[in-house]
């Protein structure tokens, strides 16, 4: 299993293959299509990430000491962004997740190429994923 930093570096390399942001958006949309389907019973209002313009559901569980995220969105680009976050953070310990600086977001230029509402949504996603990891730590 790759570390969070290694996965972030892979993503930075993936994005470096594309010169145009249109191609990078298409890549993000394609990533969203790779997201495992989320159980319908997890798509409840209490699992919606607050601060996202579109609807983004996040279900978090602890398996063998590692955090596993399940996510979905009703918007294609947002679904791709949450797929990126799941790829980076899922299957790591709560401490690794809470401590991760997530530099790749800056390195790939994602924040400045998103609308202000999507950029806020991205920050809300990161915050919720870290909060969930922290909550799981407290439970155990």
C-alpha atoms as a PDB file:
ATOM      1  CA  UNK A   1       0.000   0.000   0.000  1.00  0.00           C
ATOM      2  CA  UNK A   2       1.380   3.377  -1.023  1.00  0.00           C
ATOM      3  CA  UNK A   3       1.720   6.139   1.547  1.00  0.00           C
ATOM      4  CA  UNK A   4      -0.472   9.226   1.274  1.00  0.00           C
ATOM      5  CA  UNK A   5       2.548  11.197  -0.004  1.00  0.00           C
ATOM      6  CA  UNK A   6       3.286   8.555  -2.669  1.00  0.00           C
ATOM      7  CA  UNK A   7      -0.311   8.620  -3.883  1.00  0.00           C
ATOM      8  CA  UNK A   8      -0.231  12.424  -3.966  1.00  0.00           C
ATOM      9  CA  UNK A   9       2.946  12.287  -6.095  1.00  0.00           C
ATOM     10  CA  UNK A  10       1.278   9.827  -8.506  1.00  0.00           C
ATOM     11  CA  UNK A  11      -1.632  12.259  -8.912  1.00  0.00           C
ATOM     12  CA  UNK A  12       0.734  15.191  -9.538  1.00  0.00           C
ATOM     13  CA  UNK A  13       2.458  13.079 -12.231  1.00  0.00           C
ATOM     14  CA  UNK A  14      -0.922  12.077 -13.734  1.00  0.00           C
ATOM     15  CA  UNK A  15      -1.987  15.720 -13.995  1.00  0.00           C
ATOM     16  CA  UNK A  16       1.392  16.728 -15.490  1.00  0.00           C
ATOM     17  CA  UNK A  17       0.559  14.574 -18.544  1.00  0.00           C
ATOM     18  CA  UNK A  18      -2.122  17.082 -19.570  1.00  0.00           C
ATOM     19  CA  UNK A  19      -1.293  20.552 -20.908  1.00  0.00           C
ATOM     20  CA  UNK A  20      -4.817  21.952 -21.029  1.00  0.00           C
ATOM     21  CA  UNK A  21      -7.256  22.291 -18.146  1.00  0.00           C
ATOM     22  CA  UNK A  22     -10.021  20.898 -20.366  1.00  0.00           C
ATOM     23  CA  UNK A  23      -8.075  17.618 -20.463  1.00  0.00           C
ATOM     24  CA  UNK A  24      -7.507  17.753 -16.698  1.00  0.00           C
ATOM     25  CA  UNK A  25     -11.254  18.254 -16.123  1.00  0.00           C
ATOM     26  CA  UNK A  26     -11.966  15.269 -18.381  1.00  0.00           C
ATOM     27  CA  UNK A  27      -9.495  13.232 -16.315  1.00  0.00           C
ATOM     28  CA  UNK A  28     -11.297  14.301 -13.111  1.00  0.00           C
ATOM     29  CA  UNK A  29     -14.657  13.324 -14.650  1.00  0.00           C
ATOM     30  CA  UNK A  30     -13.211   9.934 -15.667  1.00  0.00           C
ATOM     31  CA  UNK A  31     -11.930   9.423 -12.105  1.00  0.00           C
ATOM     32  CA  UNK A  32     -15.453   9.985 -10.833  1.00  0.00           C
ATOM     33  CA  UNK A  33     -16.623   7.118 -13.043  1.00  0.00           C
ATOM     34  CA  UNK A  34     -14.157   4.779 -11.265  1.00  0.00           C
ATOM     35  CA  UNK A  35     -15.695   5.475  -7.850  1.00  0.00           C
ATOM     36  CA  UNK A  36     -17.257   2.322  -6.427  1.00  0.00           C
ATOM     37  CA  UNK A  37     -21.056   2.586  -6.254  1.00  0.00           C
ATOM     38  CA  UNK A  38     -22.219   3.753  -2.839  1.00  0.00           C
ATOM     39  CA  UNK A  39     -24.886   1.852  -0.917  1.00  0.00           C
ATOM     40  CA  UNK A  40     -28.198   3.673  -1.273  1.00  0.00           C
ATOM     41  CA  UNK A  41     -28.855   3.442   2.484  1.00  0.00           C
ATOM     42  CA  UNK A  42     -25.691   5.513   3.125  1.00  0.00           C
ATOM     43  CA  UNK A  43     -27.032   8.406   1.041  1.00  0.00           C
ATOM     44  CA  UNK A  44     -28.741  10.167   3.922  1.00  0.00           C
ATOM     45  CA  UNK A  45     -28.913  13.876   4.714  1.00  0.00           C
ATOM     46  CA  UNK A  46     -26.671  13.463   7.765  1.00  0.00           C
ATOM     47  CA  UNK A  47     -23.922  12.142   5.457  1.00  0.00           C
ATOM     48  CA  UNK A  48     -24.052  15.091   3.043  1.00  0.00           C
ATOM     49  CA  UNK A  49     -20.922  17.236   3.205  1.00  0.00           C
ATOM     50  CA  UNK A  50     -21.925  20.719   4.304  1.00  0.00           C
ATOM     51  CA  UNK A  51     -20.416  23.529   2.252  1.00  0.00           C
ATOM     52  CA  UNK A  52     -20.624  21.722  -1.090  1.00  0.00           C
ATOM     53  CA  UNK A  53     -22.807  23.305  -3.746  1.00  0.00           C
ATOM     54  CA  UNK A  54     -23.672  19.905  -5.197  1.00  0.00           C
ATOM     55  CA  UNK A  55     -24.727  16.942  -3.127  1.00  0.00           C
ATOM     56  CA  UNK A  56     -21.752  14.906  -1.870  1.00  0.00           C
ATOM     57  CA  UNK A  57     -22.275  11.957   0.441  1.00  0.00           C
ATOM     58  CA  UNK A  58     -19.468  10.575   2.578  1.00  0.00           C
ATOM     59  CA  UNK A  59     -19.653   7.360   4.568  1.00  0.00           C
ATOM     60  CA  UNK A  60     -16.634   6.561   6.710  1.00  0.00           C
ATOM     61  CA  UNK A  61     -15.788   3.336   8.490  1.00  0.00           C
ATOM     62  CA  UNK A  62     -12.813   1.826  10.302  1.00  0.00           C
ATOM     63  CA  UNK A  63     -11.597  -1.560   9.044  1.00  0.00           C
ATOM     64  CA  UNK A  64      -8.571  -3.203  10.679  1.00  0.00           C
ATOM     65  CA  UNK A  65      -7.397   0.137  12.073  1.00  0.00           C
ATOM     66  CA  UNK A  66      -7.629   1.889   8.702  1.00  0.00           C
ATOM     67  CA  UNK A  67     -10.183   4.437   7.554  1.00  0.00           C
ATOM     68  CA  UNK A  68     -12.239   3.468   4.514  1.00  0.00           C
ATOM     69  CA  UNK A  69     -14.203   6.177   2.720  1.00  0.00           C
ATOM     70  CA  UNK A  70     -17.230   5.636   0.497  1.00  0.00           C
ATOM     71  CA  UNK A  71     -18.420   8.673  -1.433  1.00  0.00           C
ATOM     72  CA  UNK A  72     -20.721   9.786  -4.207  1.00  0.00           C
ATOM     73  CA  UNK A  73     -21.964  13.009  -5.767  1.00  0.00           C
ATOM     74  CA  UNK A  74     -24.744  14.057  -8.107  1.00  0.00           C
ATOM     75  CA  UNK A  75     -22.331  16.322 -10.061  1.00  0.00           C
ATOM     76  CA  UNK A  76     -19.731  14.806 -12.416  1.00  0.00           C
ATOM     77  CA  UNK A  77     -16.758  17.066 -11.620  1.00  0.00           C
ATOM     78  CA  UNK A  78     -17.476  16.989  -7.891  1.00  0.00           C
ATOM     79  CA  UNK A  79     -17.705  13.189  -8.056  1.00  0.00           C
ATOM     80  CA  UNK A  80     -14.252  13.165  -9.677  1.00  0.00           C
ATOM     81  CA  UNK A  81     -12.833  15.454  -6.996  1.00  0.00           C
ATOM     82  CA  UNK A  82     -14.201  13.284  -4.186  1.00  0.00           C
ATOM     83  CA  UNK A  83     -12.805  10.229  -6.028  1.00  0.00           C
ATOM     84  CA  UNK A  84      -9.367  11.905  -5.912  1.00  0.00           C
ATOM     85  CA  UNK A  85      -9.720  12.482  -2.173  1.00  0.00           C
ATOM     86  CA  UNK A  86     -10.850   8.887  -1.559  1.00  0.00           C
ATOM     87  CA  UNK A  87      -7.873   7.620  -3.604  1.00  0.00           C
ATOM     88  CA  UNK A  88      -5.451   9.644  -1.476  1.00  0.00           C
ATOM     89  CA  UNK A  89      -6.924   9.131   1.995  1.00  0.00           C
ATOM     90  CA  UNK A  90      -8.769   5.797   2.078  1.00  0.00           C
ATOM     91  CA  UNK A  91      -7.032   2.765   3.619  1.00  0.00           C
ATOM     92  CA  UNK A  92      -4.787   4.808   5.931  1.00  0.00           C
ATOM     93  CA  UNK A  93      -4.783   5.195   9.692  1.00  0.00           C
ATOM     94  CA  UNK A  94      -6.738   8.078  11.230  1.00  0.00           C
ATOM     95  CA  UNK A  95      -3.454   9.682  12.372  1.00  0.00           C
ATOM     96  CA  UNK A  96      -1.959   9.543   8.855  1.00  0.00           C
ATOM     97  CA  UNK A  97      -5.105  11.166   7.467  1.00  0.00           C
ATOM     98  CA  UNK A  98      -5.303  13.901  10.101  1.00  0.00           C
ATOM     99  CA  UNK A  99      -1.573  14.683   9.663  1.00  0.00           C
ATOM    100  CA  UNK A 100      -1.596  14.662   5.820  1.00  0.00           C
ATOM    101  CA  UNK A 101      -0.792  18.131   4.412  1.00  0.00           C
ATOM    102  CA  UNK A 102      -2.449  17.254   1.051  1.00  0.00           C
ATOM    103  CA  UNK A 103       0.009  19.373  -0.946  1.00  0.00           C
ATOM    104  CA  UNK A 104      -1.102  17.782  -4.210  1.00  0.00           C
ATOM    105  CA  UNK A 105      -4.185  20.058  -4.323  1.00  0.00           C
ATOM    106  CA  UNK A 106      -1.883  23.090  -4.686  1.00  0.00           C
ATOM    107  CA  UNK A 107       0.653  21.284  -6.900  1.00  0.00           C
ATOM    108  CA  UNK A 108      -1.917  20.305  -9.538  1.00  0.00           C
ATOM    109  CA  UNK A 109      -3.474  23.791  -9.441  1.00  0.00           C
ATOM    110  CA  UNK A 110      -6.891  22.412  -8.608  1.00  0.00           C
ATOM    111  CA  UNK A 111      -8.067  25.157  -6.267  1.00  0.00           C
ATOM    112  CA  UNK A 112      -7.413  28.034  -8.665  1.00  0.00           C
ATOM    113  CA  UNK A 113      -9.098  26.195 -11.554  1.00  0.00           C
ATOM    114  CA  UNK A 114     -12.317  25.570  -9.656  1.00  0.00           C
ATOM    115  CA  UNK A 115     -15.146  28.025  -9.279  1.00  0.00           C
ATOM    116  CA  UNK A 116     -15.177  29.622  -5.799  1.00  0.00           C
ATOM    117  CA  UNK A 117     -18.127  27.434  -4.772  1.00  0.00           C
ATOM    118  CA  UNK A 118     -16.358  24.242  -5.919  1.00  0.00           C
ATOM    119  CA  UNK A 119     -13.120  25.326  -4.208  1.00  0.00           C
ATOM    120  CA  UNK A 120     -15.102  25.816  -0.976  1.00  0.00           C
ATOM    121  CA  UNK A 121     -16.649  22.391  -1.538  1.00  0.00           C
ATOM    122  CA  UNK A 122     -13.186  20.865  -1.888  1.00  0.00           C
ATOM    123  CA  UNK A 123     -12.116  22.440   1.416  1.00  0.00           C
ATOM    124  CA  UNK A 124     -15.312  21.132   3.018  1.00  0.00           C
ATOM    125  CA  UNK A 125     -14.546  17.627   1.700  1.00  0.00           C
ATOM    126  CA  UNK A 126     -11.020  17.683   3.122  1.00  0.00           C
ATOM    127  CA  UNK A 127     -12.294  19.013   6.450  1.00  0.00           C
ATOM    128  CA  UNK A 128     -15.062  16.391   6.705  1.00  0.00           C
ATOM    129  CA  UNK A 129     -12.730  13.512   5.803  1.00  0.00           C
ATOM    130  CA  UNK A 130     -10.213  14.603   8.441  1.00  0.00           C
ATOM    131  CA  UNK A 131     -12.988  15.163  11.023  1.00  0.00           C
ATOM    132  CA  UNK A 132     -14.389  11.693  10.357  1.00  0.00           C
ATOM    133  CA  UNK A 133     -10.912  10.151  10.782  1.00  0.00           C
ATOM    134  CA  UNK A 134     -10.509  12.078  14.042  1.00  0.00           C
ATOM    135  CA  UNK A 135     -13.943  10.913  15.253  1.00  0.00           C
ATOM    136  CA  UNK A 136     -12.990   7.299  14.549  1.00  0.00           C
ATOM    137  CA  UNK A 137      -9.827   7.772  16.607  1.00  0.00           C
ATOM    138  CA  UNK A 138     -11.888   9.085  19.515  1.00  0.00           C
ATOM    139  CA  UNK A 139     -14.299   6.125  19.311  1.00  0.00           C
ATOM    140  CA  UNK A 140     -11.509   3.559  19.638  1.00  0.00           C
END
